[in-house]
Amino acid sequence: MRPASSILASVLPALLKHTPLTPEKTAFAWRTVVGDAVARATRVNLSDGVLWVTAEDQRWLREVTQARETILPRLNALLGAGTVRVIKVHA
């Protein structure tokens, strides 16, 4: 039997593919990729392929900055290839 998380990981991109790109969809994808703790400590805004991440403080800024290369392909898997070209983080 496959764990629910692996089933969700394979089905979720297909489900999201058919929904319009909205701030809510972007926030959902962000929370899915980074987890609840990081999502609570950040806000995101997608504009022209740039995902602007506002971090609550310097600790979260460092955390997200260090993880950008891991986060980017995972976001694009949910939002669509090339939707997010770059992640810019500020506090």
C-alpha atoms as a PDB file:
ATOM      1  CA  MET A   1       0.000   0.000   0.000  1.00  0.00           C
ATOM      2  CA  ARG A   2       1.296   3.453  -0.950  1.00  0.00           C
ATOM      3  CA  PRO A   3       1.371   6.210   1.671  1.00  0.00           C
ATOM      4  CA  ALA A   4      -1.154   8.998   1.201  1.00  0.00           C
ATOM      5  CA  SER A   5       1.645  11.562   0.851  1.00  0.00           C
ATOM      6  CA  SER A   6       3.058   9.818  -2.229  1.00  0.00           C
ATOM      7  CA  ILE A   7      -0.382   9.582  -3.822  1.00  0.00           C
ATOM      8  CA  LEU A   8      -1.030  13.257  -3.098  1.00  0.00           C
ATOM      9  CA  ALA A   9       2.363  14.213  -4.557  1.00  0.00           C
ATOM     10  CA  SER A  10       1.474  12.523  -7.833  1.00  0.00           C
ATOM     11  CA  VAL A  11      -2.128  13.781  -8.054  1.00  0.00           C
ATOM     12  CA  LEU A  12      -1.778  17.350  -6.772  1.00  0.00           C
ATOM     13  CA  PRO A  13       0.117  18.783  -9.778  1.00  0.00           C
ATOM     14  CA  ALA A  14      -2.507  17.388 -12.146  1.00  0.00           C
ATOM     15  CA  LEU A  15      -5.326  18.919 -10.115  1.00  0.00           C
ATOM     16  CA  LEU A  16      -3.667  22.327  -9.836  1.00  0.00           C
ATOM     17  CA  LYS A  17      -2.767  22.388 -13.521  1.00  0.00           C
ATOM     18  CA  HIS A  18      -6.379  23.122 -14.466  1.00  0.00           C
ATOM     19  CA  THR A  19      -6.965  25.963 -12.025  1.00  0.00           C
ATOM     20  CA  PRO A  20      -6.212  29.615 -12.812  1.00  0.00           C
ATOM     21  CA  LEU A  21      -3.125  31.213 -11.326  1.00  0.00           C
ATOM     22  CA  THR A  22      -4.366  33.273  -8.387  1.00  0.00           C
ATOM     23  CA  PRO A  23      -2.762  34.598  -5.208  1.00  0.00           C
ATOM     24  CA  GLU A  24      -4.571  31.826  -3.325  1.00  0.00           C
ATOM     25  CA  LYS A  25      -3.161  29.130  -5.605  1.00  0.00           C
ATOM     26  CA  THR A  26       0.323  30.601  -5.204  1.00  0.00           C
ATOM     27  CA  ALA A  27      -0.052  30.688  -1.398  1.00  0.00           C
ATOM     28  CA  PHE A  28      -1.338  27.095  -1.395  1.00  0.00           C
ATOM     29  CA  ALA A  29       1.598  25.898  -3.500  1.00  0.00           C
ATOM     30  CA  TRP A  30       4.010  27.815  -1.246  1.00  0.00           C
ATOM     31  CA  ARG A  31       2.559  26.245   1.916  1.00  0.00           C
ATOM     32  CA  THR A  32       2.613  22.794   0.303  1.00  0.00           C
ATOM     33  CA  VAL A  33       6.265  23.119  -0.705  1.00  0.00           C
ATOM     34  CA  VAL A  34       7.769  24.854   2.351  1.00  0.00           C
ATOM     35  CA  GLY A  35       5.533  23.555   5.131  1.00  0.00           C
ATOM     36  CA  ASP A  36       3.386  25.239   7.734  1.00  0.00           C
ATOM     37  CA  ALA A  37       6.136  26.806   9.867  1.00  0.00           C
ATOM     38  CA  VAL A  38       7.816  28.635   6.983  1.00  0.00           C
ATOM     39  CA  ALA A  39       4.467  29.566   5.436  1.00  0.00           C
ATOM     40  CA  ARG A  40       3.324  31.151   8.713  1.00  0.00           C
ATOM     41  CA  ALA A  41       6.530  33.189   8.903  1.00  0.00           C
ATOM     42  CA  THR A  42       6.386  34.440   5.313  1.00  0.00           C
ATOM     43  CA  ARG A  43       4.088  36.077   2.776  1.00  0.00           C
ATOM     44  CA  VAL A  44       4.370  35.534  -0.972  1.00  0.00           C
ATOM     45  CA  ASN A  45       3.443  37.533  -4.044  1.00  0.00           C
ATOM     46  CA  LEU A  46       4.015  36.321  -7.604  1.00  0.00           C
ATOM     47  CA  SER A  47       4.573  39.009 -10.217  1.00  0.00           C
ATOM     48  CA  ASP A  48       5.952  38.505 -13.735  1.00  0.00           C
ATOM     49  CA  GLY A  49       7.705  35.263 -12.845  1.00  0.00           C
ATOM     50  CA  VAL A  50       9.269  36.663  -9.670  1.00  0.00           C
ATOM     51  CA  LEU A  51       8.088  35.192  -6.391  1.00  0.00           C
ATOM     52  CA  TRP A  52       8.561  37.894  -3.779  1.00  0.00           C
ATOM     53  CA  VAL A  53       8.864  36.376  -0.329  1.00  0.00           C
ATOM     54  CA  THR A  54       8.555  38.654   2.690  1.00  0.00           C
ATOM     55  CA  ALA A  55      10.086  37.000   5.726  1.00  0.00           C
ATOM     56  CA  GLU A  56       8.967  37.788   9.262  1.00  0.00           C
ATOM     57  CA  ASP A  57      12.565  38.225  10.461  1.00  0.00           C
ATOM     58  CA  GLN A  58      16.204  37.592   9.557  1.00  0.00           C
ATOM     59  CA  ARG A  59      16.074  33.954  10.671  1.00  0.00           C
ATOM     60  CA  TRP A  60      13.331  33.113   8.193  1.00  0.00           C
ATOM     61  CA  LEU A  61      14.989  35.241   5.525  1.00  0.00           C
ATOM     62  CA  ARG A  62      18.140  33.096   5.830  1.00  0.00           C
ATOM     63  CA  GLU A  63      16.117  29.875   5.889  1.00  0.00           C
ATOM     64  CA  VAL A  64      14.243  30.655   2.677  1.00  0.00           C
ATOM     65  CA  THR A  65      17.299  32.134   0.958  1.00  0.00           C
ATOM     66  CA  GLN A  66      19.294  28.957   1.584  1.00  0.00           C
ATOM     67  CA  ALA A  67      16.460  26.732   0.348  1.00  0.00           C
ATOM     68  CA  ARG A  68      15.578  28.682  -2.837  1.00  0.00           C
ATOM     69  CA  GLU A  69      17.191  26.204  -5.222  1.00  0.00           C
ATOM     70  CA  THR A  70      15.196  23.362  -3.680  1.00  0.00           C
ATOM     71  CA  ILE A  71      11.942  25.324  -3.451  1.00  0.00           C
ATOM     72  CA  LEU A  72      11.900  26.659  -7.027  1.00  0.00           C
ATOM     73  CA  PRO A  73      11.486  23.378  -8.957  1.00  0.00           C
ATOM     74  CA  ARG A  74       8.921  22.121  -6.451  1.00  0.00           C
ATOM     75  CA  LEU A  75       6.828  25.270  -6.872  1.00  0.00           C
ATOM     76  CA  ASN A  76       7.000  24.981 -10.648  1.00  0.00           C
ATOM     77  CA  ALA A  77       5.902  21.348 -10.424  1.00  0.00           C
ATOM     78  CA  LEU A  78       2.690  22.588  -8.790  1.00  0.00           C
ATOM     79  CA  LEU A  79       2.174  25.909 -10.578  1.00  0.00           C
ATOM     80  CA  GLY A  80       3.439  24.960 -14.033  1.00  0.00           C
ATOM     81  CA  ALA A  81       6.860  24.873 -15.623  1.00  0.00           C
ATOM     82  CA  GLY A  82       8.479  28.300 -15.709  1.00  0.00           C
ATOM     83  CA  THR A  83       5.741  30.021 -13.707  1.00  0.00           C
ATOM     84  CA  VAL A  84       8.293  31.064 -11.096  1.00  0.00           C
ATOM     85  CA  ARG A  85      11.603  32.085 -12.671  1.00  0.00           C
ATOM     86  CA  VAL A  86      13.262  33.452  -9.564  1.00  0.00           C
ATOM     87  CA  ILE A  87      12.605  33.747  -5.832  1.00  0.00           C
ATOM     88  CA  LYS A  88      13.551  37.039  -4.160  1.00  0.00           C
ATOM     89  CA  VAL A  89      13.483  37.173  -0.381  1.00  0.00           C
ATOM     90  CA  HIS A  90      13.366  40.255   1.843  1.00  0.00           C
ATOM     91  CA  ALA A  91      12.444  41.057   5.419  1.00  0.00           C
END
